[in-house]
């Protein structure tokens, strides 16, 4: 079932240490919380082949603008190419090529102004994944 009028929070920690001394060079934590209209659950999937396929966006989000999008390649081998189209049209573009363990996070505030003048925020609800082979496992989440 859809979750309506929710707050999605992602917890990010950037930690950089020097290999030889273990001195901490950077230690930052960010917890951007965004109010959204709809949110999906966390989904687990695998690529059926090496062709492009649309993420199975829940029907209740089919016409929503994607403001939060998370994908993690959980497979020990193989890669996943993620493509998406900005709201307002334009060509689909490669968003990320995820190798084993790689993560893609798109987390945009739905109440703020667009990052570039004249540019519309978010992604159309039609992102596509393409595995380098069949059975590449991944997890994903979408909010809008």
N, C-alpha and C. Protein backbone atom coordinates (compact mmCIF):
# COMPACT_ATOMS: atom_id res chain seq x y z
N UNK A 1 0.85 -1.18 0.00
CA UNK A 1 0.00 0.00 0.00
C UNK A 1 0.89 1.24 0.00
N UNK A 2 0.39 2.32 -0.59
CA UNK A 2 1.19 3.54 -0.63
C UNK A 2 1.29 4.18 0.74
N UNK A 3 2.39 4.85 0.94
CA UNK A 3 2.56 5.68 2.13
C UNK A 3 2.37 7.12 1.69
N UNK A 4 1.37 7.80 2.22
CA UNK A 4 1.05 9.17 1.81
C UNK A 4 1.55 10.19 2.82
N UNK A 5 1.98 11.35 2.32
CA UNK A 5 2.43 12.45 3.17
C UNK A 5 3.43 11.98 4.21
N UNK A 6 4.58 11.61 3.75
CA UNK A 6 5.62 11.03 4.59
C UNK A 6 6.87 11.90 4.57
N UNK A 7 7.78 11.61 5.47
CA UNK A 7 9.10 12.23 5.47
C UNK A 7 10.11 11.13 5.20
N UNK A 8 10.91 11.29 4.15
CA UNK A 8 11.97 10.34 3.83
C UNK A 8 13.28 10.93 4.32
N UNK A 9 14.07 10.16 5.05
CA UNK A 9 15.35 10.60 5.57
C UNK A 9 16.43 9.65 5.11
N UNK A 10 17.53 10.19 4.61
CA UNK A 10 18.69 9.38 4.27
C UNK A 10 19.80 9.80 5.24
N UNK A 11 20.54 8.84 5.77
CA UNK A 11 21.64 9.13 6.69
C UNK A 11 22.95 8.87 5.95
N UNK A 12 23.72 9.91 5.77
CA UNK A 12 24.98 9.82 5.04
C UNK A 12 26.14 10.14 5.96
N UNK A 13 27.19 9.34 5.91
CA UNK A 13 28.41 9.65 6.65
C UNK A 13 29.59 9.56 5.70
N UNK A 14 30.36 10.64 5.67
CA UNK A 14 31.58 10.68 4.88
C UNK A 14 32.74 10.61 5.86
N UNK A 15 33.51 9.54 5.78
CA UNK A 15 34.64 9.32 6.68
C UNK A 15 35.87 9.01 5.85
N UNK A 16 36.90 9.82 5.98
CA UNK A 16 38.15 9.63 5.25
C UNK A 16 39.29 9.51 6.25
N UNK A 17 40.02 8.39 6.18
CA UNK A 17 41.16 8.20 7.09
C UNK A 17 42.42 7.91 6.27
N UNK A 18 43.53 8.37 6.81
CA UNK A 18 44.82 8.11 6.18
C UNK A 18 45.22 6.66 6.45
N UNK A 19 45.64 5.94 5.42
CA UNK A 19 45.92 4.51 5.56
C UNK A 19 47.04 4.21 6.55
N UNK A 20 48.13 4.95 6.49
CA UNK A 20 49.30 4.60 7.31
C UNK A 20 49.14 5.00 8.78
N UNK A 21 48.48 6.11 9.07
CA UNK A 21 48.39 6.59 10.45
C UNK A 21 47.00 6.45 11.05
N UNK A 22 46.02 6.18 10.22
CA UNK A 22 44.61 6.13 10.62
C UNK A 22 44.08 7.47 11.13
N UNK A 23 44.80 8.57 10.82
CA UNK A 23 44.29 9.90 11.15
C UNK A 23 43.00 10.16 10.36
N UNK A 24 42.02 10.71 11.05
CA UNK A 24 40.75 11.04 10.40
C UNK A 24 40.89 12.38 9.70
N UNK A 25 40.74 12.37 8.39
CA UNK A 25 40.86 13.58 7.60
C UNK A 25 39.51 14.29 7.46
N UNK A 26 38.44 13.52 7.26
CA UNK A 26 37.10 14.07 7.12
C UNK A 26 36.13 13.16 7.87
N UNK A 27 35.25 13.76 8.65
CA UNK A 27 34.20 13.01 9.33
C UNK A 27 32.96 13.89 9.36
N UNK A 28 32.07 13.68 8.42
CA UNK A 28 30.86 14.48 8.30
C UNK A 28 29.65 13.57 8.21
N UNK A 29 28.58 13.97 8.85
CA UNK A 29 27.32 13.25 8.77
C UNK A 29 26.24 14.22 8.32
N UNK A 30 25.40 13.78 7.42
CA UNK A 30 24.27 14.58 6.95
C UNK A 30 23.02 13.72 6.98
N UNK A 31 21.92 14.31 7.40
CA UNK A 31 20.65 13.59 7.47
C UNK A 31 19.56 14.40 6.78
N UNK A 32 19.62 14.52 5.46
CA UNK A 32 18.57 15.30 4.80
C UNK A 32 17.22 14.60 4.87
N UNK A 33 16.25 15.30 5.48
CA UNK A 33 14.88 14.79 5.58
C UNK A 33 13.99 15.61 4.66
N UNK A 34 13.20 14.94 3.87
CA UNK A 34 12.36 15.62 2.90
C UNK A 34 10.92 15.16 3.01
N UNK A 35 10.01 16.13 3.11
CA UNK A 35 8.58 15.81 3.07
C UNK A 35 8.20 15.53 1.63
N UNK A 36 7.49 14.45 1.42
CA UNK A 36 7.06 14.07 0.08
C UNK A 36 5.60 13.64 0.12
N UNK A 37 5.01 13.53 -1.05
CA UNK A 37 3.62 13.11 -1.16
C UNK A 37 3.51 11.60 -1.03
N UNK A 38 4.38 10.87 -1.74
CA UNK A 38 4.30 9.41 -1.76
C UNK A 38 5.67 8.79 -1.59
N UNK A 39 5.68 7.57 -1.10
CA UNK A 39 6.92 6.84 -0.90
C UNK A 39 6.68 5.36 -1.14
N UNK A 40 7.65 4.71 -1.77
CA UNK A 40 7.54 3.27 -1.98
C UNK A 40 8.26 2.55 -0.85
N UNK A 41 8.12 1.26 -0.84
CA UNK A 41 8.92 0.46 0.07
C UNK A 41 10.28 0.20 -0.54
N UNK A 42 11.11 -0.55 0.14
CA UNK A 42 12.40 -0.96 -0.40
C UNK A 42 12.16 -2.24 -1.18
N UNK A 43 12.55 -2.23 -2.45
CA UNK A 43 12.31 -3.36 -3.33
C UNK A 43 13.61 -4.10 -3.62
N UNK A 44 13.52 -5.41 -3.81
CA UNK A 44 14.65 -6.24 -4.17
C UNK A 44 14.33 -6.87 -5.52
N UNK A 45 15.28 -6.83 -6.45
CA UNK A 45 15.02 -7.32 -7.79
C UNK A 45 16.29 -7.90 -8.39
N UNK A 46 16.15 -8.49 -9.57
CA UNK A 46 17.31 -8.94 -10.33
C UNK A 46 17.02 -8.74 -11.81
N UNK A 47 18.08 -8.55 -12.57
CA UNK A 47 17.92 -8.31 -14.00
C UNK A 47 17.53 -9.61 -14.69
N UNK A 48 16.48 -9.59 -15.54
CA UNK A 48 16.07 -10.81 -16.22
C UNK A 48 17.00 -11.17 -17.38
N UNK A 49 17.73 -10.17 -17.90
CA UNK A 49 18.63 -10.39 -19.03
C UNK A 49 19.54 -9.16 -19.11
N UNK A 50 20.18 -8.93 -20.24
CA UNK A 50 21.07 -7.77 -20.36
C UNK A 50 20.44 -6.65 -21.19
N UNK A 51 19.11 -6.58 -21.21
CA UNK A 51 18.39 -5.54 -21.92
C UNK A 51 17.87 -4.50 -20.93
N UNK A 52 17.46 -3.34 -21.43
CA UNK A 52 16.91 -2.29 -20.57
C UNK A 52 15.49 -2.61 -20.13
N UNK A 53 15.17 -2.35 -18.86
CA UNK A 53 13.84 -2.59 -18.30
C UNK A 53 13.48 -1.43 -17.39
N UNK A 54 12.20 -1.06 -17.39
CA UNK A 54 11.73 -0.02 -16.48
C UNK A 54 11.62 -0.54 -15.07
N UNK A 55 11.98 0.31 -14.10
CA UNK A 55 11.73 -0.05 -12.71
C UNK A 55 10.22 -0.20 -12.55
N UNK A 56 9.79 -1.15 -11.78
CA UNK A 56 8.37 -1.38 -11.59
C UNK A 56 7.84 -0.41 -10.55
N UNK A 57 7.72 0.86 -10.98
CA UNK A 57 7.24 1.91 -10.09
C UNK A 57 5.80 1.57 -9.69
N UNK A 58 5.49 1.61 -8.39
CA UNK A 58 4.12 1.29 -7.96
C UNK A 58 3.09 2.15 -8.70
N UNK A 59 1.95 1.57 -9.02
CA UNK A 59 0.95 2.27 -9.83
C UNK A 59 0.52 3.59 -9.20
N UNK A 60 0.52 3.67 -7.87
CA UNK A 60 0.09 4.91 -7.23
C UNK A 60 1.12 6.04 -7.38
N UNK A 61 2.31 5.72 -7.90
CA UNK A 61 3.33 6.74 -8.13
C UNK A 61 3.59 6.97 -9.61
N UNK A 62 2.82 6.34 -10.48
CA UNK A 62 3.10 6.37 -11.92
C UNK A 62 3.13 7.77 -12.51
N UNK A 63 2.38 8.71 -11.95
CA UNK A 63 2.35 10.06 -12.48
C UNK A 63 3.09 11.07 -11.60
N UNK A 64 3.79 10.59 -10.59
CA UNK A 64 4.52 11.47 -9.68
C UNK A 64 5.91 11.78 -10.21
N UNK A 65 6.43 12.92 -9.83
CA UNK A 65 7.83 13.26 -10.10
C UNK A 65 8.69 12.57 -9.05
N UNK A 66 9.74 11.92 -9.48
CA UNK A 66 10.64 11.26 -8.55
C UNK A 66 11.58 12.30 -7.96
N UNK A 67 11.55 12.44 -6.63
CA UNK A 67 12.42 13.37 -5.93
C UNK A 67 13.50 12.65 -5.14
N UNK A 68 13.24 11.42 -4.77
CA UNK A 68 14.23 10.60 -4.09
C UNK A 68 14.31 9.25 -4.79
N UNK A 69 15.55 8.84 -5.07
CA UNK A 69 15.76 7.60 -5.81
C UNK A 69 17.05 6.98 -5.31
N UNK A 70 16.98 5.74 -4.88
CA UNK A 70 18.13 5.01 -4.33
C UNK A 70 18.22 3.67 -5.04
N UNK A 71 19.42 3.31 -5.49
CA UNK A 71 19.66 2.00 -6.10
C UNK A 71 21.01 1.51 -5.59
N UNK A 72 21.07 0.24 -5.17
CA UNK A 72 22.33 -0.37 -4.75
C UNK A 72 22.47 -1.72 -5.44
N UNK A 73 23.63 -1.90 -6.09
CA UNK A 73 23.95 -3.19 -6.72
C UNK A 73 24.38 -4.14 -5.61
N UNK A 74 23.61 -5.18 -5.37
CA UNK A 74 23.90 -6.14 -4.30
C UNK A 74 24.59 -7.40 -4.82
N UNK A 75 24.94 -7.41 -6.09
CA UNK A 75 25.53 -8.58 -6.71
C UNK A 75 27.05 -8.54 -6.58
N UNK A 76 27.72 -9.69 -6.35
CA UNK A 76 29.18 -9.69 -6.23
C UNK A 76 29.90 -9.54 -7.57
N UNK A 77 29.19 -9.73 -8.69
CA UNK A 77 29.77 -9.56 -10.01
C UNK A 77 28.77 -8.84 -10.88
N UNK A 78 29.21 -8.26 -11.96
CA UNK A 78 28.30 -7.62 -12.90
C UNK A 78 27.97 -6.19 -12.52
N UNK A 79 27.41 -5.47 -13.47
CA UNK A 79 27.09 -4.06 -13.27
C UNK A 79 25.66 -3.78 -13.71
N UNK A 80 25.16 -2.61 -13.28
CA UNK A 80 23.83 -2.16 -13.64
C UNK A 80 23.93 -0.71 -14.10
N UNK A 81 23.41 -0.43 -15.29
CA UNK A 81 23.35 0.93 -15.82
C UNK A 81 21.98 1.50 -15.50
N UNK A 82 21.96 2.70 -14.89
CA UNK A 82 20.71 3.38 -14.55
C UNK A 82 20.56 4.59 -15.46
N UNK A 83 19.42 4.71 -16.13
CA UNK A 83 19.14 5.88 -16.96
C UNK A 83 17.83 6.51 -16.51
N UNK A 84 17.70 7.81 -16.75
CA UNK A 84 16.49 8.52 -16.37
C UNK A 84 16.30 9.76 -17.22
N UNK A 85 15.10 10.31 -17.16
CA UNK A 85 14.75 11.49 -17.95
C UNK A 85 14.30 12.59 -16.99
N UNK A 86 14.85 13.80 -17.15
CA UNK A 86 14.43 14.90 -16.28
C UNK A 86 12.98 15.29 -16.54
N UNK A 87 12.32 15.78 -15.50
CA UNK A 87 10.96 16.29 -15.66
C UNK A 87 11.01 17.47 -16.63
N UNK A 88 10.02 17.59 -17.47
CA UNK A 88 9.99 18.68 -18.43
C UNK A 88 10.50 18.27 -19.79
N UNK A 89 10.86 17.01 -19.94
CA UNK A 89 11.29 16.52 -21.24
C UNK A 89 12.79 16.44 -21.38
N UNK A 90 13.21 16.29 -22.60
CA UNK A 90 14.63 16.09 -22.85
C UNK A 90 14.92 14.62 -22.98
N UNK A 91 16.11 14.34 -23.42
CA UNK A 91 16.52 12.96 -23.65
C UNK A 91 16.86 12.27 -22.34
N UNK A 92 16.62 10.96 -22.31
CA UNK A 92 17.09 10.17 -21.18
C UNK A 92 18.60 10.18 -21.17
N UNK A 93 19.16 10.14 -19.98
CA UNK A 93 20.61 10.18 -19.83
C UNK A 93 21.06 9.12 -18.84
N UNK A 94 22.29 8.68 -19.00
CA UNK A 94 22.86 7.75 -18.02
C UNK A 94 23.03 8.48 -16.71
N UNK A 95 22.49 7.91 -15.63
CA UNK A 95 22.64 8.48 -14.30
C UNK A 95 23.80 7.87 -13.55
N UNK A 96 24.00 6.56 -13.72
CA UNK A 96 25.08 5.88 -13.01
C UNK A 96 25.31 4.50 -13.62
N UNK A 97 26.55 4.05 -13.56
CA UNK A 97 26.92 2.68 -13.87
C UNK A 97 27.41 2.08 -12.57
N UNK A 98 26.62 1.18 -12.00
CA UNK A 98 26.91 0.64 -10.67
C UNK A 98 27.60 -0.70 -10.76
N UNK A 99 28.82 -0.76 -10.26
CA UNK A 99 29.53 -2.02 -10.13
C UNK A 99 29.10 -2.71 -8.85
N UNK A 100 29.67 -3.87 -8.54
CA UNK A 100 29.31 -4.60 -7.33
C UNK A 100 29.44 -3.72 -6.08
N UNK A 101 28.37 -3.63 -5.31
CA UNK A 101 28.36 -2.85 -4.07
C UNK A 101 28.15 -1.36 -4.25
N UNK A 102 28.16 -0.86 -5.48
CA UNK A 102 28.00 0.58 -5.71
C UNK A 102 26.58 1.04 -5.39
N UNK A 103 26.48 2.33 -5.01
CA UNK A 103 25.21 2.93 -4.62
C UNK A 103 24.98 4.20 -5.42
N UNK A 104 23.74 4.44 -5.85
CA UNK A 104 23.33 5.69 -6.49
C UNK A 104 22.24 6.30 -5.63
N UNK A 105 22.42 7.59 -5.26
CA UNK A 105 21.41 8.30 -4.48
C UNK A 105 21.10 9.62 -5.17
N UNK A 106 19.82 9.84 -5.47
CA UNK A 106 19.31 11.10 -5.97
C UNK A 106 18.33 11.58 -4.92
N UNK A 107 18.62 12.67 -4.21
CA UNK A 107 17.82 13.10 -3.07
C UNK A 107 17.61 14.59 -3.19
N UNK A 108 16.45 14.99 -3.72
CA UNK A 108 16.21 16.39 -4.05
C UNK A 108 15.01 16.91 -3.26
N UNK A 109 15.20 18.08 -2.66
CA UNK A 109 14.13 18.72 -1.89
C UNK A 109 13.02 19.14 -2.85
N UNK A 110 11.81 18.72 -2.57
CA UNK A 110 10.71 19.03 -3.47
C UNK A 110 10.12 20.41 -3.23
N UNK A 111 10.57 21.10 -2.19
CA UNK A 111 10.00 22.41 -1.90
C UNK A 111 10.90 23.56 -2.33
N UNK A 112 12.15 23.29 -2.64
CA UNK A 112 13.09 24.35 -3.00
C UNK A 112 13.03 24.71 -4.47
N UNK A 113 13.85 25.65 -4.85
CA UNK A 113 13.89 26.06 -6.25
C UNK A 113 14.79 25.11 -7.03
N UNK A 114 14.61 25.03 -8.35
CA UNK A 114 15.45 24.16 -9.17
C UNK A 114 16.92 24.55 -9.06
N UNK A 115 17.82 23.58 -9.22
CA UNK A 115 19.25 23.86 -9.09
C UNK A 115 19.79 24.79 -10.17
N UNK A 116 19.17 24.79 -11.33
CA UNK A 116 19.60 25.64 -12.44
C UNK A 116 18.37 26.38 -12.95
N UNK A 117 18.50 27.68 -13.18
CA UNK A 117 17.38 28.48 -13.66
C UNK A 117 16.77 27.87 -14.91
N UNK A 118 15.46 27.75 -14.93
CA UNK A 118 14.77 27.20 -16.09
C UNK A 118 14.71 25.68 -16.11
N UNK A 119 15.37 25.04 -15.17
CA UNK A 119 15.39 23.58 -15.12
C UNK A 119 14.32 23.10 -14.13
N UNK A 120 13.59 22.07 -14.49
CA UNK A 120 12.58 21.52 -13.62
C UNK A 120 13.21 20.46 -12.73
N UNK A 121 12.75 20.39 -11.48
CA UNK A 121 13.31 19.41 -10.55
C UNK A 121 12.77 18.01 -10.78
N UNK A 122 13.58 17.03 -10.43
CA UNK A 122 13.13 15.66 -10.39
C UNK A 122 13.29 14.89 -11.68
N UNK A 123 12.91 13.63 -11.58
CA UNK A 123 12.96 12.71 -12.72
C UNK A 123 11.54 12.26 -13.04
N UNK A 124 11.28 12.00 -14.33
CA UNK A 124 10.01 11.37 -14.69
C UNK A 124 9.97 9.99 -14.08
N UNK A 125 8.77 9.50 -13.83
CA UNK A 125 8.61 8.19 -13.19
C UNK A 125 8.83 7.06 -14.18
N UNK A 126 9.94 7.11 -14.91
CA UNK A 126 10.23 6.06 -15.89
C UNK A 126 11.71 5.71 -15.96
N UNK A 127 12.42 5.65 -14.82
CA UNK A 127 13.83 5.27 -14.91
C UNK A 127 13.99 3.83 -15.40
N UNK A 128 15.13 3.55 -16.00
CA UNK A 128 15.38 2.25 -16.61
C UNK A 128 16.66 1.65 -16.04
N UNK A 129 16.70 0.35 -15.85
CA UNK A 129 17.93 -0.35 -15.46
C UNK A 129 18.30 -1.33 -16.55
N UNK A 130 19.60 -1.57 -16.67
CA UNK A 130 20.11 -2.55 -17.64
C UNK A 130 21.29 -3.26 -17.00
N UNK A 131 21.18 -4.56 -16.83
CA UNK A 131 22.25 -5.34 -16.24
C UNK A 131 23.26 -5.78 -17.29
N UNK A 132 24.49 -6.01 -16.85
CA UNK A 132 25.51 -6.52 -17.76
C UNK A 132 25.27 -7.98 -18.11
N UNK A 133 24.38 -8.63 -17.35
CA UNK A 133 24.01 -10.02 -17.58
C UNK A 133 22.69 -10.27 -16.87
N UNK A 134 22.16 -11.46 -17.00
CA UNK A 134 20.95 -11.83 -16.26
C UNK A 134 21.30 -12.08 -14.80
N UNK A 135 20.33 -11.93 -13.94
CA UNK A 135 20.43 -12.26 -12.51
C UNK A 135 21.38 -11.38 -11.72
N UNK A 136 21.57 -10.12 -12.13
CA UNK A 136 22.32 -9.16 -11.32
C UNK A 136 21.33 -8.61 -10.30
N UNK A 137 21.58 -8.85 -9.02
CA UNK A 137 20.64 -8.44 -7.98
C UNK A 137 20.89 -7.00 -7.55
N UNK A 138 19.79 -6.33 -7.16
CA UNK A 138 19.89 -4.96 -6.69
C UNK A 138 18.69 -4.64 -5.81
N UNK A 139 18.81 -3.54 -5.03
CA UNK A 139 17.69 -3.06 -4.25
C UNK A 139 17.43 -1.61 -4.64
N UNK A 140 16.18 -1.16 -4.48
CA UNK A 140 15.86 0.19 -4.88
C UNK A 140 14.68 0.75 -4.09
N UNK A 141 14.62 2.09 -4.06
CA UNK A 141 13.59 2.84 -3.34
C UNK A 141 13.28 4.08 -4.16
N UNK A 142 12.04 4.52 -4.14
CA UNK A 142 11.66 5.74 -4.85
C UNK A 142 10.67 6.53 -4.01
N UNK A 143 10.81 7.85 -4.02
CA UNK A 143 9.88 8.75 -3.34
C UNK A 143 9.58 9.94 -4.24
N UNK A 144 8.38 10.49 -4.08
CA UNK A 144 8.02 11.62 -4.93
C UNK A 144 7.01 12.52 -4.29
